[in-house]
Amino acid sequence: MDGADIFEIFYSNFTGSPDYQGLSDVLDLLNRKYIKISKTKTGFNKADYQTTVDKILDGQIKSIDYQGGSNNHLALKVLAEEYIRNNFGLKSSLEYNFFGRIPDVISLDKNIIFECGDTDPWKVTEYFRNDDNLKVFIFPYPGDDEEELFTYEIIKGKEGLKDYLLQKQLDGLSAVKKIIRARKH
């Protein structure tokens, strides 16, 4: 998996300016084997996705229950909830505060997180910095040439992930402090 693959995972429908540093940090974690990323079939197809979008548009699924994002984004949240229920037998919550970040969908036991559509890559590093035993799924928008919907499961690859992320954060803060001290003189 290379940088282009990571970009496609996090920015499947993005037209703005991506966070290349965040993408680089995720790729670094992958290359150092601190995380593993695997592409998984969801059991849903593009027709399921479109049906869910249509139900949101028709009011059969209340968008207020899935606050945050476009109808396409909400459809991914609905399918993510169903995926957690079908594959893990767990109920989930939406837009729940988890260590200062708001995952799109999180299992009630707080061990499974789904980020739907375009995703800030920093969320992944922040989630693992707080709990490195999570399963974090990125559920991208379906591509034009894809019939099946996929998700990308990200899990800890080796011990030391949390410590590595905390050290990186401390190193970054030290660098900022050094710049501030240099400006004062």
N, C-alpha and C. Protein backbone atom coordinates (compact mmCIF):
# COMPACT_ATOMS: atom_id res chain seq x y z
N MET A 1 0.86 -1.17 0.00
CA MET A 1 0.00 0.00 0.00
C MET A 1 0.91 1.23 0.00
N ASP A 2 0.60 2.19 -0.88
CA ASP A 2 1.43 3.39 -0.98
C ASP A 2 0.60 4.64 -0.68
N GLY A 3 1.21 5.79 -0.88
CA GLY A 3 0.56 7.06 -0.58
C GLY A 3 -0.72 7.28 -1.36
N ALA A 4 -0.75 6.86 -2.62
CA ALA A 4 -1.96 7.02 -3.45
C ALA A 4 -3.10 6.17 -2.89
N ASP A 5 -2.77 4.97 -2.42
CA ASP A 5 -3.80 4.12 -1.82
C ASP A 5 -4.36 4.75 -0.55
N ILE A 6 -3.46 5.27 0.28
CA ILE A 6 -3.88 5.92 1.53
C ILE A 6 -4.77 7.13 1.20
N PHE A 7 -4.38 7.90 0.20
CA PHE A 7 -5.18 9.05 -0.22
C PHE A 7 -6.59 8.61 -0.59
N GLU A 8 -6.71 7.56 -1.38
CA GLU A 8 -8.03 7.07 -1.83
C GLU A 8 -8.88 6.56 -0.66
N ILE A 9 -8.24 5.99 0.34
CA ILE A 9 -8.98 5.52 1.51
C ILE A 9 -9.60 6.69 2.26
N PHE A 10 -8.82 7.72 2.49
CA PHE A 10 -9.27 8.84 3.32
C PHE A 10 -10.03 9.91 2.54
N TYR A 11 -9.76 10.04 1.27
CA TYR A 11 -10.38 11.10 0.47
C TYR A 11 -11.01 10.54 -0.79
N SER A 12 -12.05 9.74 -0.62
CA SER A 12 -12.70 9.07 -1.75
C SER A 12 -13.57 9.99 -2.59
N ASN A 13 -13.96 11.13 -2.05
CA ASN A 13 -14.86 12.03 -2.77
C ASN A 13 -14.46 13.49 -2.54
N PHE A 14 -13.22 13.71 -2.20
CA PHE A 14 -12.76 15.01 -1.72
C PHE A 14 -12.34 15.91 -2.88
N THR A 15 -12.75 17.16 -2.81
CA THR A 15 -12.38 18.11 -3.86
C THR A 15 -11.56 19.27 -3.32
N GLY A 16 -11.33 19.31 -2.03
CA GLY A 16 -10.58 20.41 -1.42
C GLY A 16 -9.10 20.11 -1.34
N SER A 17 -8.48 20.67 -0.34
CA SER A 17 -7.05 20.48 -0.12
C SER A 17 -6.85 19.43 0.98
N PRO A 18 -6.33 18.26 0.63
CA PRO A 18 -6.16 17.21 1.64
C PRO A 18 -5.05 17.53 2.63
N ASP A 19 -5.08 16.88 3.75
CA ASP A 19 -4.05 17.03 4.77
C ASP A 19 -2.93 16.03 4.49
N TYR A 20 -1.94 16.47 3.71
CA TYR A 20 -0.87 15.57 3.31
C TYR A 20 -0.01 15.13 4.49
N GLN A 21 0.16 15.98 5.50
CA GLN A 21 0.95 15.57 6.67
C GLN A 21 0.24 14.45 7.42
N GLY A 22 -1.07 14.57 7.57
CA GLY A 22 -1.83 13.51 8.23
C GLY A 22 -1.75 12.21 7.46
N LEU A 23 -1.86 12.29 6.13
CA LEU A 23 -1.73 11.10 5.30
C LEU A 23 -0.34 10.49 5.44
N SER A 24 0.66 11.35 5.46
CA SER A 24 2.04 10.90 5.61
C SER A 24 2.25 10.18 6.95
N ASP A 25 1.63 10.71 8.00
CA ASP A 25 1.75 10.07 9.31
C ASP A 25 1.10 8.69 9.33
N VAL A 26 -0.06 8.55 8.67
CA VAL A 26 -0.71 7.24 8.59
C VAL A 26 0.17 6.28 7.79
N LEU A 27 0.73 6.75 6.69
CA LEU A 27 1.61 5.90 5.87
C LEU A 27 2.85 5.50 6.67
N ASP A 28 3.40 6.41 7.46
CA ASP A 28 4.54 6.11 8.32
C ASP A 28 4.20 4.99 9.31
N LEU A 29 3.03 5.08 9.93
CA LEU A 29 2.60 4.04 10.87
C LEU A 29 2.47 2.70 10.17
N LEU A 30 1.96 2.72 8.96
CA LEU A 30 1.80 1.50 8.18
C LEU A 30 3.17 0.92 7.81
N ASN A 31 4.07 1.76 7.33
CA ASN A 31 5.40 1.30 6.93
C ASN A 31 6.21 0.77 8.12
N ARG A 32 6.01 1.35 9.27
CA ARG A 32 6.71 0.90 10.48
C ARG A 32 6.00 -0.30 11.13
N LYS A 33 4.90 -0.70 10.51
CA LYS A 33 4.10 -1.85 10.95
C LYS A 33 3.43 -1.64 12.30
N TYR A 34 3.24 -0.37 12.69
CA TYR A 34 2.49 -0.09 13.91
C TYR A 34 1.00 -0.30 13.69
N ILE A 35 0.55 -0.15 12.44
CA ILE A 35 -0.84 -0.42 12.11
C ILE A 35 -0.90 -1.37 10.92
N LYS A 36 -2.04 -2.02 10.81
CA LYS A 36 -2.36 -2.85 9.65
C LYS A 36 -3.65 -2.31 9.05
N ILE A 37 -3.71 -2.30 7.73
CA ILE A 37 -4.91 -1.86 7.03
C ILE A 37 -5.34 -2.98 6.10
N SER A 38 -6.60 -3.38 6.22
CA SER A 38 -7.11 -4.41 5.31
C SER A 38 -8.44 -3.96 4.72
N LYS A 39 -8.57 -4.22 3.42
CA LYS A 39 -9.79 -3.90 2.69
C LYS A 39 -10.76 -5.05 2.88
N THR A 40 -11.99 -4.74 3.27
CA THR A 40 -12.98 -5.76 3.59
C THR A 40 -14.29 -5.46 2.89
N LYS A 41 -14.91 -6.50 2.35
CA LYS A 41 -16.25 -6.35 1.78
C LYS A 41 -17.23 -6.07 2.91
N THR A 42 -18.16 -5.18 2.67
CA THR A 42 -19.15 -4.84 3.70
C THR A 42 -20.39 -5.72 3.64
N GLY A 43 -20.61 -6.36 2.49
CA GLY A 43 -21.85 -7.08 2.30
C GLY A 43 -22.92 -6.20 1.69
N PHE A 44 -22.59 -4.94 1.46
CA PHE A 44 -23.50 -4.00 0.83
C PHE A 44 -23.01 -3.73 -0.59
N ASN A 45 -23.94 -3.36 -1.45
CA ASN A 45 -23.55 -2.96 -2.80
C ASN A 45 -24.05 -1.55 -3.08
N LYS A 46 -23.75 -1.08 -4.26
CA LYS A 46 -24.11 0.29 -4.62
C LYS A 46 -25.63 0.49 -4.59
N ALA A 47 -26.40 -0.55 -4.93
CA ALA A 47 -27.86 -0.45 -4.88
C ALA A 47 -28.35 -0.26 -3.44
N ASP A 48 -27.72 -0.96 -2.47
CA ASP A 48 -28.07 -0.77 -1.05
C ASP A 48 -27.80 0.67 -0.62
N TYR A 49 -26.66 1.17 -1.06
CA TYR A 49 -26.27 2.54 -0.74
C TYR A 49 -27.28 3.53 -1.32
N GLN A 50 -27.63 3.35 -2.60
CA GLN A 50 -28.58 4.27 -3.25
C GLN A 50 -29.97 4.17 -2.63
N THR A 51 -30.38 2.96 -2.27
CA THR A 51 -31.67 2.77 -1.59
C THR A 51 -31.68 3.53 -0.26
N THR A 52 -30.57 3.46 0.45
CA THR A 52 -30.46 4.17 1.74
C THR A 52 -30.51 5.68 1.52
N VAL A 53 -29.81 6.18 0.51
CA VAL A 53 -29.88 7.61 0.17
C VAL A 53 -31.32 7.99 -0.15
N ASP A 54 -32.01 7.18 -0.95
CA ASP A 54 -33.40 7.46 -1.32
C ASP A 54 -34.31 7.48 -0.10
N LYS A 55 -34.10 6.57 0.85
CA LYS A 55 -34.90 6.54 2.08
C LYS A 55 -34.68 7.80 2.91
N ILE A 56 -33.47 8.31 2.89
CA ILE A 56 -33.19 9.57 3.60
C ILE A 56 -33.91 10.72 2.90
N LEU A 57 -33.82 10.75 1.58
CA LEU A 57 -34.48 11.81 0.80
C LEU A 57 -36.00 11.77 0.96
N ASP A 58 -36.57 10.54 1.05
CA ASP A 58 -38.02 10.37 1.20
C ASP A 58 -38.50 10.56 2.64
N GLY A 59 -37.57 10.69 3.58
CA GLY A 59 -37.93 10.87 4.98
C GLY A 59 -38.20 9.56 5.72
N GLN A 60 -37.99 8.42 5.05
CA GLN A 60 -38.17 7.13 5.73
C GLN A 60 -37.10 6.93 6.80
N ILE A 61 -35.92 7.48 6.54
CA ILE A 61 -34.85 7.54 7.54
C ILE A 61 -34.68 9.00 7.87
N LYS A 62 -34.86 9.34 9.11
CA LYS A 62 -34.81 10.74 9.53
C LYS A 62 -33.36 11.22 9.59
N SER A 63 -33.05 12.22 8.80
CA SER A 63 -31.68 12.73 8.77
C SER A 63 -31.28 13.32 10.12
N ILE A 64 -32.24 13.78 10.90
CA ILE A 64 -31.92 14.34 12.21
C ILE A 64 -31.32 13.25 13.11
N ASP A 65 -31.71 11.98 12.88
CA ASP A 65 -31.17 10.88 13.66
C ASP A 65 -29.72 10.59 13.29
N TYR A 66 -29.30 11.04 12.12
CA TYR A 66 -27.94 10.78 11.62
C TYR A 66 -27.23 12.09 11.32
N GLN A 67 -27.41 13.06 12.18
CA GLN A 67 -26.89 14.40 11.96
C GLN A 67 -25.44 14.43 11.52
N GLY A 68 -25.13 15.41 10.70
CA GLY A 68 -23.76 15.64 10.29
C GLY A 68 -23.45 15.11 8.92
N GLY A 69 -23.53 15.95 7.92
CA GLY A 69 -23.10 15.57 6.58
C GLY A 69 -24.21 15.56 5.56
N SER A 70 -23.81 15.28 4.35
CA SER A 70 -24.74 15.21 3.23
C SER A 70 -25.57 13.92 3.33
N ASN A 71 -26.56 13.81 2.48
CA ASN A 71 -27.37 12.58 2.46
C ASN A 71 -26.51 11.36 2.12
N ASN A 72 -25.53 11.53 1.26
CA ASN A 72 -24.62 10.43 0.92
C ASN A 72 -23.80 10.02 2.15
N HIS A 73 -23.36 11.00 2.91
CA HIS A 73 -22.60 10.72 4.13
C HIS A 73 -23.49 10.02 5.16
N LEU A 74 -24.73 10.50 5.28
CA LEU A 74 -25.66 9.88 6.23
C LEU A 74 -25.94 8.43 5.85
N ALA A 75 -26.02 8.15 4.55
CA ALA A 75 -26.27 6.79 4.09
C ALA A 75 -25.14 5.87 4.53
N LEU A 76 -23.91 6.35 4.45
CA LEU A 76 -22.78 5.54 4.93
C LEU A 76 -22.90 5.28 6.43
N LYS A 77 -23.35 6.27 7.19
CA LYS A 77 -23.51 6.08 8.64
C LYS A 77 -24.56 5.01 8.93
N VAL A 78 -25.67 5.05 8.20
CA VAL A 78 -26.73 4.05 8.38
C VAL A 78 -26.17 2.65 8.09
N LEU A 79 -25.43 2.53 7.00
CA LEU A 79 -24.85 1.23 6.64
C LEU A 79 -23.77 0.81 7.63
N ALA A 80 -23.01 1.75 8.16
CA ALA A 80 -21.98 1.43 9.16
C ALA A 80 -22.62 0.88 10.43
N GLU A 81 -23.72 1.48 10.85
CA GLU A 81 -24.45 0.96 12.02
C GLU A 81 -24.89 -0.48 11.78
N GLU A 82 -25.42 -0.71 10.58
CA GLU A 82 -25.88 -2.05 10.22
C GLU A 82 -24.70 -3.03 10.18
N TYR A 83 -23.56 -2.59 9.67
CA TYR A 83 -22.37 -3.43 9.61
C TYR A 83 -21.93 -3.84 11.02
N ILE A 84 -21.90 -2.90 11.94
CA ILE A 84 -21.51 -3.20 13.32
C ILE A 84 -22.49 -4.20 13.95
N ARG A 85 -23.76 -3.98 13.70
CA ARG A 85 -24.79 -4.88 14.25
C ARG A 85 -24.67 -6.29 13.63
N ASN A 86 -24.53 -6.35 12.30
CA ASN A 86 -24.48 -7.64 11.60
C ASN A 86 -23.19 -8.42 11.86
N ASN A 87 -22.06 -7.72 11.93
CA ASN A 87 -20.77 -8.41 12.01
C ASN A 87 -20.22 -8.57 13.42
N PHE A 88 -20.68 -7.73 14.34
CA PHE A 88 -20.16 -7.79 15.70
C PHE A 88 -21.26 -8.00 16.75
N GLY A 89 -22.52 -7.92 16.31
CA GLY A 89 -23.63 -8.10 17.24
C GLY A 89 -23.74 -6.99 18.26
N LEU A 90 -23.29 -5.79 17.87
CA LEU A 90 -23.28 -4.67 18.81
C LEU A 90 -24.16 -3.52 18.33
N LYS A 91 -24.69 -2.80 19.29
CA LYS A 91 -25.38 -1.56 18.99
C LYS A 91 -24.34 -0.46 18.91
N SER A 92 -24.73 0.67 18.34
CA SER A 92 -23.77 1.75 18.17
C SER A 92 -24.41 3.10 18.45
N SER A 93 -23.57 4.09 18.51
CA SER A 93 -23.98 5.47 18.74
C SER A 93 -23.37 6.33 17.64
N LEU A 94 -24.01 7.45 17.38
CA LEU A 94 -23.55 8.37 16.34
C LEU A 94 -23.01 9.64 16.96
N GLU A 95 -21.95 10.17 16.35
CA GLU A 95 -21.42 11.47 16.75
C GLU A 95 -21.19 11.57 18.26
N TYR A 96 -20.56 10.56 18.82
CA TYR A 96 -20.27 10.47 20.25
C TYR A 96 -18.88 11.01 20.52
N ASN A 97 -18.73 11.83 21.55
CA ASN A 97 -17.42 12.39 21.88
C ASN A 97 -16.50 11.28 22.40
N PHE A 98 -15.40 11.07 21.69
CA PHE A 98 -14.44 10.03 22.05
C PHE A 98 -13.07 10.67 22.13
N PHE A 99 -12.61 10.96 23.34
CA PHE A 99 -11.31 11.60 23.56
C PHE A 99 -11.16 12.89 22.75
N GLY A 100 -12.21 13.68 22.73
CA GLY A 100 -12.14 14.98 22.06
C GLY A 100 -12.42 14.95 20.57
N ARG A 101 -12.61 13.81 20.00
CA ARG A 101 -12.98 13.67 18.59
C ARG A 101 -14.38 13.10 18.51
N ILE A 102 -15.03 13.29 17.38
CA ILE A 102 -16.40 12.82 17.21
C ILE A 102 -16.44 11.81 16.06
N PRO A 103 -16.35 10.51 16.36
CA PRO A 103 -16.48 9.52 15.30
C PRO A 103 -17.88 9.55 14.69
N ASP A 104 -17.97 9.19 13.43
CA ASP A 104 -19.29 9.13 12.79
C ASP A 104 -20.15 8.08 13.47
N VAL A 105 -19.60 6.89 13.68
CA VAL A 105 -20.32 5.79 14.34
C VAL A 105 -19.34 5.09 15.26
N ILE A 106 -19.80 4.76 16.47
CA ILE A 106 -18.96 4.05 17.43
C ILE A 106 -19.81 3.00 18.12
N SER A 107 -19.26 1.80 18.29
CA SER A 107 -20.00 0.75 19.01
C SER A 107 -20.17 1.19 20.46
N LEU A 108 -21.25 0.73 21.07
CA LEU A 108 -21.52 1.15 22.45
C LEU A 108 -20.43 0.71 23.41
N ASP A 109 -19.71 -0.37 23.08
CA ASP A 109 -18.60 -0.78 23.94
C ASP A 109 -17.32 0.03 23.65
N LYS A 110 -17.39 0.93 22.70
CA LYS A 110 -16.32 1.87 22.32
C LYS A 110 -15.05 1.17 21.81
N ASN A 111 -15.21 0.00 21.20
CA ASN A 111 -14.07 -0.72 20.64
C ASN A 111 -14.02 -0.66 19.12
N ILE A 112 -15.11 -0.21 18.50
CA ILE A 112 -15.19 -0.16 17.04
C ILE A 112 -15.63 1.24 16.63
N ILE A 113 -14.84 1.84 15.76
CA ILE A 113 -15.15 3.19 15.26
C ILE A 113 -15.26 3.12 13.75
N PHE A 114 -16.26 3.80 13.22
CA PHE A 114 -16.41 3.96 11.78
C PHE A 114 -16.33 5.44 11.45
N GLU A 115 -15.46 5.77 10.53
CA GLU A 115 -15.42 7.09 9.91
C GLU A 115 -15.93 6.91 8.50
N CYS A 116 -16.89 7.71 8.11
CA CYS A 116 -17.56 7.54 6.84
C CYS A 116 -17.21 8.65 5.86
N GLY A 117 -17.01 8.26 4.61
CA GLY A 117 -16.70 9.23 3.57
C GLY A 117 -15.31 9.80 3.76
N ASP A 118 -15.14 11.05 3.39
CA ASP A 118 -13.84 11.71 3.51
C ASP A 118 -13.52 11.91 4.99
N THR A 119 -12.31 11.53 5.37
CA THR A 119 -11.95 11.46 6.78
C THR A 119 -10.62 12.15 7.04
N ASP A 120 -10.59 12.95 8.08
CA ASP A 120 -9.36 13.58 8.55
C ASP A 120 -8.42 12.47 9.04
N PRO A 121 -7.26 12.27 8.40
CA PRO A 121 -6.37 11.18 8.82
C PRO A 121 -5.85 11.33 10.25
N TRP A 122 -5.85 12.56 10.77
CA TRP A 122 -5.40 12.75 12.15
C TRP A 122 -6.30 12.03 13.14
N LYS A 123 -7.57 11.83 12.77
CA LYS A 123 -8.48 11.13 13.67
C LYS A 123 -7.93 9.74 14.01
N VAL A 124 -7.41 9.05 13.02
CA VAL A 124 -6.90 7.70 13.25
C VAL A 124 -5.76 7.73 14.26
N THR A 125 -4.80 8.63 14.07
CA THR A 125 -3.67 8.68 15.00
C THR A 125 -4.13 9.10 16.40
N GLU A 126 -5.09 9.99 16.47
CA GLU A 126 -5.59 10.42 17.78
C GLU A 126 -6.37 9.30 18.47
N TYR A 127 -7.16 8.56 17.72
CA TYR A 127 -7.88 7.44 18.34
C TYR A 127 -6.90 6.44 18.91
N PHE A 128 -5.89 6.06 18.13
CA PHE A 128 -4.93 5.05 18.60
C PHE A 128 -4.01 5.59 19.69
N ARG A 129 -3.78 6.88 19.73
CA ARG A 129 -2.96 7.45 20.80
C ARG A 129 -3.69 7.31 22.14
N ASN A 130 -5.02 7.30 22.09
CA ASN A 130 -5.81 7.16 23.31
C ASN A 130 -6.18 5.72 23.64
N ASP A 131 -6.29 4.87 22.62
CA ASP A 131 -6.64 3.47 22.84
C ASP A 131 -6.15 2.67 21.64
N ASP A 132 -5.05 1.96 21.80
CA ASP A 132 -4.47 1.26 20.65
C ASP A 132 -5.05 -0.13 20.42
N ASN A 133 -6.12 -0.47 21.12
CA ASN A 133 -6.78 -1.76 20.90
C ASN A 133 -8.09 -1.62 20.13
N LEU A 134 -8.27 -0.50 19.48
CA LEU A 134 -9.48 -0.25 18.69
C LEU A 134 -9.44 -0.95 17.35
N LYS A 135 -10.62 -1.07 16.77
CA LYS A 135 -10.77 -1.37 15.36
C LYS A 135 -11.35 -0.10 14.76
N VAL A 136 -10.60 0.53 13.87
CA VAL A 136 -11.07 1.75 13.23
C VAL A 136 -11.33 1.41 11.77
N PHE A 137 -12.53 1.72 11.32
CA PHE A 137 -12.91 1.46 9.93
C PHE A 137 -13.09 2.78 9.20
N ILE A 138 -12.53 2.85 8.01
CA ILE A 138 -12.80 3.97 7.11
C ILE A 138 -13.74 3.42 6.05
N PHE A 139 -14.90 4.04 5.91
CA PHE A 139 -15.94 3.58 4.99
C PHE A 139 -16.05 4.64 3.89
N PRO A 140 -15.29 4.48 2.81
CA PRO A 140 -15.27 5.50 1.76
C PRO A 140 -16.55 5.50 0.92
N TYR A 141 -16.75 6.61 0.22
CA TYR A 141 -17.83 6.66 -0.74
C TYR A 141 -17.55 5.64 -1.84
N PRO A 142 -18.59 5.03 -2.39
CA PRO A 142 -18.35 4.06 -3.46
C PRO A 142 -17.81 4.74 -4.71
N GLY A 143 -16.90 4.06 -5.37
CA GLY A 143 -16.35 4.56 -6.62
C GLY A 143 -17.31 4.33 -7.77
N ASP A 144 -17.11 5.05 -8.85
CA ASP A 144 -17.99 4.92 -10.02
C ASP A 144 -17.96 3.51 -10.60
N ASP A 145 -16.80 2.87 -10.53
CA ASP A 145 -16.65 1.56 -11.15
C ASP A 145 -16.79 0.40 -10.17
N GLU A 146 -17.25 0.68 -8.95
CA GLU A 146 -17.40 -0.35 -7.93
C GLU A 146 -18.87 -0.69 -7.72
N GLU A 147 -19.19 -1.96 -7.74
CA GLU A 147 -20.55 -2.40 -7.42
C GLU A 147 -20.66 -2.73 -5.94
N GLU A 148 -19.62 -3.36 -5.40
CA GLU A 148 -19.61 -3.71 -3.99
C GLU A 148 -19.04 -2.56 -3.18
N LEU A 149 -19.52 -2.43 -1.94
CA LEU A 149 -18.98 -1.43 -1.04
C LEU A 149 -17.95 -2.09 -0.13
N PHE A 150 -16.85 -1.39 0.09
CA PHE A 150 -15.76 -1.88 0.92
C PHE A 150 -15.52 -0.92 2.07
N THR A 151 -14.89 -1.46 3.10
CA THR A 151 -14.41 -0.64 4.19
C THR A 151 -12.96 -1.02 4.43
N TYR A 152 -12.23 -0.15 5.08
CA TYR A 152 -10.84 -0.40 5.40
C TYR A 152 -10.70 -0.48 6.91
N GLU A 153 -10.33 -1.66 7.38
CA GLU A 153 -10.16 -1.87 8.81
C GLU A 153 -8.71 -1.56 9.18
N ILE A 154 -8.55 -0.72 10.19
CA ILE A 154 -7.22 -0.35 10.67
C ILE A 154 -7.11 -0.82 12.12
N ILE A 155 -6.09 -1.63 12.37
CA ILE A 155 -5.86 -2.15 13.71
C ILE A 155 -4.39 -2.00 14.07
N LYS A 156 -4.10 -2.17 15.34
CA LYS A 156 -2.71 -2.14 15.81
C LYS A 156 -1.96 -3.28 15.16
N GLY A 157 -0.77 -2.98 14.66
CA GLY A 157 0.06 -4.00 14.04
C GLY A 157 1.06 -4.61 15.00
N LYS A 158 1.60 -3.79 15.88
CA LYS A 158 2.57 -4.31 16.84
C LYS A 158 2.52 -3.47 18.11
N GLU A 159 3.08 -4.03 19.16
CA GLU A 159 3.12 -3.33 20.44
C GLU A 159 3.95 -2.05 20.30
N GLY A 160 3.61 -1.07 21.09
CA GLY A 160 4.35 0.18 21.08
C GLY A 160 3.68 1.29 20.29
N LEU A 161 2.54 1.00 19.66
CA LEU A 161 1.84 2.00 18.85
C LEU A 161 1.49 3.24 19.68
N LYS A 162 0.86 3.02 20.80
CA LYS A 162 0.42 4.14 21.64
C LYS A 162 1.63 4.97 22.11
N ASP A 163 2.68 4.29 22.55
CA ASP A 163 3.89 4.98 23.01
C ASP A 163 4.55 5.77 21.87
N TYR A 164 4.59 5.17 20.69
CA TYR A 164 5.17 5.84 19.53
C TYR A 164 4.40 7.11 19.19
N LEU A 165 3.07 7.02 19.21
CA LEU A 165 2.24 8.19 18.90
C LEU A 165 2.38 9.28 19.96
N LEU A 166 2.45 8.88 21.22
CA LEU A 166 2.64 9.87 22.28
C LEU A 166 4.00 10.56 22.16
N GLN A 167 5.04 9.80 21.83
CA GLN A 167 6.37 10.38 21.66
C GLN A 167 6.39 11.35 20.48
N LYS A 168 5.73 10.98 19.39
CA LYS A 168 5.64 11.87 18.22
C LYS A 168 4.96 13.19 18.60
N GLN A 169 3.91 13.08 19.41
CA GLN A 169 3.20 14.28 19.85
C GLN A 169 4.12 15.14 20.71
N LEU A 170 4.84 14.54 21.63
CA LEU A 170 5.76 15.28 22.49
C LEU A 170 6.88 15.92 21.67
N ASP A 171 7.42 15.18 20.70
CA ASP A 171 8.46 15.73 19.83
C ASP A 171 7.95 16.95 19.06
N GLY A 172 6.72 16.86 18.58
CA GLY A 172 6.12 17.98 17.86
C GLY A 172 5.95 19.20 18.76
N LEU A 173 5.53 18.98 20.00
CA LEU A 173 5.38 20.09 20.94
C LEU A 173 6.73 20.70 21.27
N SER A 174 7.75 19.88 21.41
CA SER A 174 9.10 20.38 21.70
C SER A 174 9.59 21.26 20.55
N ALA A 175 9.32 20.84 19.32
CA ALA A 175 9.74 21.62 18.16
C ALA A 175 9.04 22.98 18.14
N VAL A 176 7.77 23.01 18.48
CA VAL A 176 7.02 24.27 18.52
C VAL A 176 7.58 25.17 19.61
N LYS A 177 7.85 24.61 20.78
CA LYS A 177 8.42 25.40 21.89
C LYS A 177 9.77 25.99 21.48
N LYS A 178 10.57 25.23 20.78
CA LYS A 178 11.88 25.70 20.33
C LYS A 178 11.73 26.90 19.38
N ILE A 179 10.77 26.82 18.49
CA ILE A 179 10.50 27.93 17.55
C ILE A 179 10.06 29.17 18.32
N ILE A 180 9.19 28.99 19.29
CA ILE A 180 8.68 30.12 20.08
C ILE A 180 9.82 30.77 20.87
N ARG A 181 10.67 29.95 21.48
CA ARG A 181 11.82 30.49 22.24
C ARG A 181 12.75 31.27 21.30
N ALA A 182 12.97 30.75 20.11
CA ALA A 182 13.87 31.42 19.14
C ALA A 182 13.32 32.77 18.73
N ARG A 183 12.00 32.89 18.63
CA ARG A 183 11.37 34.16 18.22
C ARG A 183 11.46 35.22 19.32
N LYS A 184 11.53 34.77 20.58
CA LYS A 184 11.59 35.70 21.70
C LYS A 184 12.96 36.37 21.79
N HIS A 185 13.98 35.77 21.20
CA HIS A 185 15.35 36.31 21.32
C HIS A 185 15.71 37.12 20.12
